[in-house]
């Protein structure tokens, strides 16, 4: 099944996630996720919970939403077995590469502005271990 940027929708996210055995939560303003953690926690941000659950945040930009969905999918479907001590930077880089490779199969091609967003996200993990210890 091929999708263009215009054709990928929230319903397609559900189908794609389901095809990988992943449960998808699509956060909406005022829902239980926002009540529990605050809406700001989900503004232009998404998460994965283990290898079988994605929490897709609330996005101002459709392309960032799509790229973020596939990034979280990348975390879930990567074949990498991370050994203790691996840098978070490498895990995030892998998730972007695996996710965007999967996205390509659906006809999604990252825009240059979204590529800049991706690089900014990856760069935020430089020195992560030093900051978090």
N, C-alpha and C. Protein backbone atom coordinates (compact mmCIF):
# COMPACT_ATOMS: atom_id res chain seq x y z
N UNK A 1 0.85 -1.18 0.00
CA UNK A 1 0.00 0.00 0.00
C UNK A 1 0.90 1.24 0.00
N UNK A 2 0.67 2.14 -0.91
CA UNK A 2 1.47 3.37 -1.03
C UNK A 2 0.63 4.57 -0.63
N UNK A 3 1.29 5.53 0.05
CA UNK A 3 0.62 6.76 0.46
C UNK A 3 1.49 7.94 0.05
N UNK A 4 0.86 9.03 -0.29
CA UNK A 4 1.60 10.26 -0.47
C UNK A 4 1.37 11.08 0.78
N UNK A 5 2.10 12.17 0.94
CA UNK A 5 1.93 13.03 2.11
C UNK A 5 0.47 13.43 2.26
N UNK A 6 -0.20 13.71 1.16
CA UNK A 6 -1.58 14.14 1.21
C UNK A 6 -2.51 13.02 1.66
N UNK A 7 -2.14 11.77 1.44
CA UNK A 7 -3.03 10.65 1.74
C UNK A 7 -2.82 10.06 3.12
N UNK A 8 -1.69 10.30 3.77
CA UNK A 8 -1.48 9.75 5.10
C UNK A 8 -2.37 10.52 6.06
N UNK A 9 -3.17 9.80 6.81
CA UNK A 9 -4.08 10.43 7.76
C UNK A 9 -4.03 9.65 9.06
N UNK A 10 -4.73 10.17 10.06
CA UNK A 10 -4.76 9.49 11.35
C UNK A 10 -5.30 8.06 11.20
N UNK A 11 -6.25 7.86 10.31
CA UNK A 11 -6.78 6.51 10.12
C UNK A 11 -5.69 5.61 9.55
N UNK A 12 -4.87 6.11 8.68
CA UNK A 12 -3.77 5.34 8.14
C UNK A 12 -2.75 5.02 9.23
N UNK A 13 -2.51 5.95 10.15
CA UNK A 13 -1.61 5.67 11.27
C UNK A 13 -2.08 4.42 11.99
N UNK A 14 -3.39 4.34 12.23
CA UNK A 14 -3.94 3.18 12.94
C UNK A 14 -3.68 1.89 12.15
N UNK A 15 -3.90 1.94 10.86
CA UNK A 15 -3.68 0.75 10.02
C UNK A 15 -2.21 0.36 10.01
N UNK A 16 -1.34 1.35 9.88
CA UNK A 16 0.09 1.07 9.83
C UNK A 16 0.55 0.49 11.17
N UNK A 17 0.17 1.13 12.27
CA UNK A 17 0.55 0.63 13.59
C UNK A 17 0.01 -0.79 13.79
N UNK A 18 -1.25 -1.00 13.44
CA UNK A 18 -1.86 -2.32 13.60
C UNK A 18 -1.13 -3.38 12.78
N UNK A 19 -0.67 -3.01 11.61
CA UNK A 19 0.04 -3.99 10.77
C UNK A 19 1.34 -4.46 11.40
N UNK A 20 1.84 -3.69 12.37
CA UNK A 20 3.06 -4.06 13.10
C UNK A 20 2.74 -4.58 14.50
N UNK A 21 1.46 -4.75 14.82
CA UNK A 21 1.07 -5.22 16.13
C UNK A 21 1.27 -4.19 17.23
N UNK A 22 1.16 -2.91 16.86
CA UNK A 22 1.41 -1.81 17.79
C UNK A 22 0.10 -1.09 18.08
N UNK A 23 -0.13 -0.82 19.36
CA UNK A 23 -1.31 -0.05 19.78
C UNK A 23 -0.97 1.43 19.64
N UNK A 24 -1.86 2.19 19.05
CA UNK A 24 -1.64 3.62 18.84
C UNK A 24 -2.67 4.43 19.61
N UNK A 25 -2.18 5.37 20.40
CA UNK A 25 -3.04 6.35 21.09
C UNK A 25 -2.81 7.68 20.39
N UNK A 26 -3.87 8.30 19.92
CA UNK A 26 -3.76 9.60 19.28
C UNK A 26 -4.32 10.64 20.26
N UNK A 27 -3.42 11.41 20.85
CA UNK A 27 -3.80 12.37 21.88
C UNK A 27 -4.61 13.50 21.26
N UNK A 28 -5.65 13.88 21.96
CA UNK A 28 -6.48 15.03 21.56
C UNK A 28 -6.55 15.98 22.74
N UNK A 29 -6.64 17.25 22.45
CA UNK A 29 -6.75 18.26 23.51
C UNK A 29 -7.86 17.88 24.49
N UNK A 30 -7.52 17.92 25.78
CA UNK A 30 -8.50 17.66 26.82
C UNK A 30 -8.78 16.20 27.11
N UNK A 31 -8.10 15.28 26.42
CA UNK A 31 -8.37 13.86 26.67
C UNK A 31 -7.68 13.39 27.96
N UNK A 32 -7.78 12.12 28.26
CA UNK A 32 -7.24 11.59 29.51
C UNK A 32 -5.72 11.73 29.60
N UNK A 33 -5.02 11.66 28.47
CA UNK A 33 -3.57 11.86 28.49
C UNK A 33 -3.24 13.29 28.92
N UNK A 34 -3.96 14.26 28.34
CA UNK A 34 -3.74 15.67 28.68
C UNK A 34 -4.12 15.94 30.14
N UNK A 35 -5.21 15.34 30.59
CA UNK A 35 -5.62 15.52 31.98
C UNK A 35 -4.56 14.97 32.94
N UNK A 36 -3.97 13.84 32.60
CA UNK A 36 -3.00 13.20 33.48
C UNK A 36 -1.64 13.90 33.48
N UNK A 37 -1.21 14.39 32.31
CA UNK A 37 0.17 14.89 32.18
C UNK A 37 0.27 16.33 31.74
N UNK A 38 -0.85 16.96 31.42
CA UNK A 38 -0.84 18.32 30.90
C UNK A 38 -0.72 18.31 29.39
N UNK A 39 -1.43 19.20 28.77
CA UNK A 39 -1.44 19.27 27.31
C UNK A 39 -0.05 19.58 26.74
N UNK A 40 0.71 20.40 27.46
CA UNK A 40 2.05 20.76 26.97
C UNK A 40 2.96 19.55 26.76
N UNK A 41 2.74 18.49 27.52
CA UNK A 41 3.56 17.28 27.37
C UNK A 41 3.39 16.64 26.00
N UNK A 42 2.30 16.97 25.30
CA UNK A 42 2.00 16.34 24.02
C UNK A 42 2.02 17.30 22.84
N UNK A 43 2.35 18.54 23.10
CA UNK A 43 2.40 19.51 22.01
C UNK A 43 3.67 19.28 21.19
N UNK A 44 3.47 18.87 19.95
CA UNK A 44 4.57 18.60 19.02
C UNK A 44 5.56 17.60 19.59
N UNK A 45 5.03 16.59 20.29
CA UNK A 45 5.87 15.56 20.89
C UNK A 45 5.10 14.25 20.96
N UNK A 46 5.79 13.15 20.71
CA UNK A 46 5.19 11.81 20.78
C UNK A 46 6.11 10.89 21.54
N UNK A 47 5.59 9.73 21.89
CA UNK A 47 6.33 8.79 22.73
C UNK A 47 6.02 7.36 22.31
N UNK A 48 6.93 6.46 22.64
CA UNK A 48 6.60 5.04 22.53
C UNK A 48 6.74 4.44 23.93
N UNK A 49 5.93 3.45 24.19
CA UNK A 49 5.97 2.74 25.46
C UNK A 49 6.35 1.30 25.14
N UNK A 50 7.60 1.00 25.30
CA UNK A 50 8.09 -0.32 24.92
C UNK A 50 8.09 -0.48 23.41
N UNK A 51 7.92 -1.71 22.97
CA UNK A 51 7.95 -2.02 21.54
C UNK A 51 6.56 -2.16 20.93
N UNK A 52 5.52 -1.95 21.75
CA UNK A 52 4.19 -2.25 21.23
C UNK A 52 3.15 -1.16 21.46
N UNK A 53 3.60 0.07 21.73
CA UNK A 53 2.64 1.14 21.97
C UNK A 53 3.24 2.50 21.59
N UNK A 54 2.47 3.29 20.86
CA UNK A 54 2.88 4.64 20.46
C UNK A 54 1.83 5.62 20.96
N UNK A 55 2.29 6.73 21.51
CA UNK A 55 1.41 7.82 21.93
C UNK A 55 1.74 9.00 21.02
N UNK A 56 0.85 9.28 20.08
CA UNK A 56 1.07 10.34 19.10
C UNK A 56 0.49 11.64 19.64
N UNK A 57 1.36 12.63 19.78
CA UNK A 57 0.96 13.92 20.36
C UNK A 57 0.11 14.78 19.44
N UNK A 58 -0.01 16.04 19.84
CA UNK A 58 -0.80 17.04 19.13
C UNK A 58 0.17 17.93 18.36
N UNK A 59 0.01 18.02 17.06
CA UNK A 59 0.97 18.74 16.22
C UNK A 59 0.35 19.93 15.50
N UNK A 60 1.15 20.99 15.39
CA UNK A 60 0.77 22.17 14.62
C UNK A 60 1.06 21.96 13.14
N UNK A 61 1.99 21.06 12.83
CA UNK A 61 2.49 20.86 11.48
C UNK A 61 2.27 19.39 11.09
N UNK A 62 1.49 19.16 10.05
CA UNK A 62 1.17 17.80 9.62
C UNK A 62 2.40 16.98 9.27
N UNK A 63 3.37 17.60 8.61
CA UNK A 63 4.57 16.86 8.22
C UNK A 63 5.36 16.42 9.44
N UNK A 64 5.46 17.28 10.47
CA UNK A 64 6.16 16.89 11.70
C UNK A 64 5.41 15.76 12.39
N UNK A 65 4.09 15.80 12.34
CA UNK A 65 3.29 14.73 12.94
C UNK A 65 3.58 13.40 12.25
N UNK A 66 3.60 13.40 10.94
CA UNK A 66 3.86 12.17 10.18
C UNK A 66 5.27 11.66 10.48
N UNK A 67 6.25 12.55 10.42
CA UNK A 67 7.63 12.14 10.68
C UNK A 67 7.78 11.62 12.11
N UNK A 68 7.12 12.26 13.05
CA UNK A 68 7.20 11.82 14.45
C UNK A 68 6.55 10.45 14.64
N UNK A 69 5.41 10.23 13.98
CA UNK A 69 4.79 8.91 14.04
C UNK A 69 5.77 7.84 13.57
N UNK A 70 6.38 8.09 12.42
CA UNK A 70 7.30 7.08 11.89
C UNK A 70 8.57 6.96 12.74
N UNK A 71 9.00 8.04 13.38
CA UNK A 71 10.13 7.96 14.30
C UNK A 71 9.79 7.02 15.46
N UNK A 72 8.63 7.21 16.07
CA UNK A 72 8.23 6.34 17.18
C UNK A 72 8.04 4.91 16.68
N UNK A 73 7.50 4.75 15.49
CA UNK A 73 7.39 3.42 14.89
C UNK A 73 8.78 2.80 14.76
N UNK A 74 9.75 3.61 14.38
CA UNK A 74 11.13 3.14 14.27
C UNK A 74 11.65 2.56 15.58
N UNK A 75 11.32 3.22 16.69
CA UNK A 75 11.71 2.68 18.01
C UNK A 75 11.10 1.30 18.21
N UNK A 76 9.85 1.14 17.77
CA UNK A 76 9.13 -0.11 18.01
C UNK A 76 9.59 -1.25 17.10
N UNK A 77 9.95 -0.95 15.86
CA UNK A 77 10.22 -2.03 14.91
C UNK A 77 11.70 -2.26 14.65
N UNK A 78 12.58 -1.47 15.26
CA UNK A 78 14.00 -1.68 15.01
C UNK A 78 14.40 -3.11 15.36
N UNK A 79 15.33 -3.63 14.64
CA UNK A 79 15.85 -4.98 14.88
C UNK A 79 17.05 -4.94 15.82
N UNK A 80 17.49 -3.74 16.16
CA UNK A 80 18.66 -3.59 17.04
C UNK A 80 18.35 -4.12 18.42
N UNK A 81 19.29 -4.79 19.00
CA UNK A 81 19.25 -5.21 20.40
C UNK A 81 20.27 -4.33 21.11
N UNK A 82 19.77 -3.37 21.87
CA UNK A 82 20.66 -2.39 22.49
C UNK A 82 21.31 -2.97 23.73
N UNK A 83 22.63 -2.97 23.74
CA UNK A 83 23.35 -3.44 24.91
C UNK A 83 23.47 -2.31 25.93
N UNK A 84 23.68 -2.68 27.16
CA UNK A 84 23.81 -1.68 28.21
C UNK A 84 24.96 -0.74 27.87
N UNK A 85 24.76 0.52 28.12
CA UNK A 85 25.80 1.52 27.88
C UNK A 85 25.73 2.19 26.51
N UNK A 86 24.80 1.74 25.66
CA UNK A 86 24.67 2.37 24.34
C UNK A 86 24.20 3.81 24.53
N UNK A 87 24.72 4.69 23.73
CA UNK A 87 24.34 6.09 23.83
C UNK A 87 22.91 6.31 23.35
N UNK A 88 22.16 7.11 24.08
CA UNK A 88 20.79 7.47 23.69
C UNK A 88 20.80 8.11 22.30
N UNK A 89 21.84 8.86 21.99
CA UNK A 89 22.01 9.46 20.67
C UNK A 89 21.88 8.41 19.57
N UNK A 90 22.55 7.26 19.76
CA UNK A 90 22.52 6.21 18.74
C UNK A 90 21.14 5.57 18.64
N UNK A 91 20.46 5.41 19.77
CA UNK A 91 19.10 4.85 19.75
C UNK A 91 18.14 5.77 19.00
N UNK A 92 18.28 7.08 19.22
CA UNK A 92 17.41 8.05 18.54
C UNK A 92 17.71 8.11 17.05
N UNK A 93 18.97 8.11 16.71
CA UNK A 93 19.37 8.13 15.30
C UNK A 93 18.81 6.89 14.59
N UNK A 94 18.94 5.73 15.22
CA UNK A 94 18.42 4.50 14.64
C UNK A 94 16.91 4.59 14.44
N UNK A 95 16.19 5.11 15.43
CA UNK A 95 14.73 5.22 15.32
C UNK A 95 14.33 6.10 14.14
N UNK A 96 15.04 7.20 13.95
CA UNK A 96 14.74 8.06 12.79
C UNK A 96 15.01 7.32 11.49
N UNK A 97 16.15 6.64 11.40
CA UNK A 97 16.49 5.96 10.14
C UNK A 97 15.53 4.80 9.86
N UNK A 98 15.25 3.98 10.86
CA UNK A 98 14.34 2.85 10.67
C UNK A 98 12.93 3.37 10.34
N UNK A 99 12.47 4.36 11.10
CA UNK A 99 11.13 4.90 10.89
C UNK A 99 10.96 5.55 9.53
N UNK A 100 11.93 6.35 9.14
CA UNK A 100 11.80 7.04 7.85
C UNK A 100 11.99 6.08 6.67
N UNK A 101 12.74 5.02 6.88
CA UNK A 101 12.84 3.98 5.85
C UNK A 101 11.49 3.30 5.68
N UNK A 102 10.82 3.02 6.80
CA UNK A 102 9.46 2.45 6.74
C UNK A 102 8.50 3.43 6.08
N UNK A 103 8.61 4.71 6.43
CA UNK A 103 7.74 5.73 5.84
C UNK A 103 7.88 5.77 4.32
N UNK A 104 9.10 5.61 3.85
CA UNK A 104 9.36 5.62 2.42
C UNK A 104 8.56 4.53 1.71
N UNK A 105 8.37 3.40 2.38
CA UNK A 105 7.59 2.30 1.80
C UNK A 105 6.14 2.71 1.57
N UNK A 106 5.68 3.71 2.33
CA UNK A 106 4.31 4.21 2.20
C UNK A 106 4.24 5.47 1.34
N UNK A 107 5.36 5.81 0.70
CA UNK A 107 5.38 6.95 -0.19
C UNK A 107 5.63 8.28 0.50
N UNK A 108 5.98 8.24 1.77
CA UNK A 108 6.27 9.48 2.50
C UNK A 108 7.74 9.83 2.34
N UNK A 109 7.98 11.04 1.89
CA UNK A 109 9.35 11.53 1.72
C UNK A 109 9.50 12.77 2.59
N UNK A 110 10.48 12.75 3.46
CA UNK A 110 10.68 13.83 4.41
C UNK A 110 10.97 15.15 3.68
N UNK A 111 10.34 16.22 4.13
CA UNK A 111 10.60 17.55 3.58
C UNK A 111 11.88 18.09 4.19
N UNK A 112 12.53 19.02 3.50
CA UNK A 112 13.80 19.56 4.02
C UNK A 112 13.60 20.25 5.37
N UNK A 113 12.48 20.92 5.57
CA UNK A 113 12.24 21.57 6.87
C UNK A 113 12.08 20.53 7.97
N UNK A 114 11.51 19.40 7.64
CA UNK A 114 11.35 18.32 8.62
C UNK A 114 12.69 17.65 8.87
N UNK A 115 13.53 17.57 7.85
CA UNK A 115 14.87 17.03 8.04
C UNK A 115 15.63 17.88 9.06
N UNK A 116 15.48 19.20 8.96
CA UNK A 116 16.13 20.09 9.93
C UNK A 116 15.60 19.84 11.34
N UNK A 117 14.30 19.59 11.48
CA UNK A 117 13.68 19.25 12.76
C UNK A 117 14.28 17.95 13.30
N UNK A 118 14.41 16.95 12.42
CA UNK A 118 14.98 15.67 12.81
C UNK A 118 16.40 15.84 13.34
N UNK A 119 17.22 16.60 12.63
CA UNK A 119 18.60 16.84 13.06
C UNK A 119 18.63 17.54 14.41
N UNK A 120 17.74 18.51 14.60
CA UNK A 120 17.65 19.22 15.88
C UNK A 120 17.29 18.24 17.01
N UNK A 121 16.36 17.35 16.74
CA UNK A 121 15.98 16.33 17.74
C UNK A 121 17.16 15.44 18.08
N UNK A 122 17.85 14.96 17.07
CA UNK A 122 19.01 14.09 17.30
C UNK A 122 20.09 14.85 18.07
N UNK A 123 20.35 16.07 17.67
CA UNK A 123 21.37 16.88 18.35
C UNK A 123 21.07 17.09 19.83
N UNK A 124 19.78 17.09 20.18
CA UNK A 124 19.41 17.31 21.58
C UNK A 124 19.90 16.17 22.47
N UNK A 125 20.28 15.04 21.89
CA UNK A 125 20.77 13.90 22.66
C UNK A 125 22.29 13.88 22.79
N UNK A 126 22.97 14.84 22.19
CA UNK A 126 24.42 14.93 22.38
C UNK A 126 24.66 15.31 23.84
N UNK A 127 25.43 14.50 24.54
CA UNK A 127 25.72 14.75 25.95
C UNK A 127 24.60 14.33 26.89
N UNK A 128 23.62 13.60 26.39
CA UNK A 128 22.45 13.19 27.18
C UNK A 128 22.88 12.45 28.45
N UNK A 129 23.78 11.49 28.30
CA UNK A 129 24.20 10.67 29.44
C UNK A 129 24.85 11.52 30.53
N UNK A 130 25.64 12.49 30.14
CA UNK A 130 26.29 13.36 31.11
C UNK A 130 25.27 14.23 31.85
N UNK A 131 24.25 14.70 31.13
CA UNK A 131 23.21 15.53 31.74
C UNK A 131 22.31 14.74 32.68
N UNK A 132 22.06 13.48 32.34
CA UNK A 132 21.07 12.69 33.07
C UNK A 132 21.66 11.90 34.25
N UNK A 133 22.97 11.96 34.43
CA UNK A 133 23.56 11.23 35.58
C UNK A 133 23.93 12.16 36.69
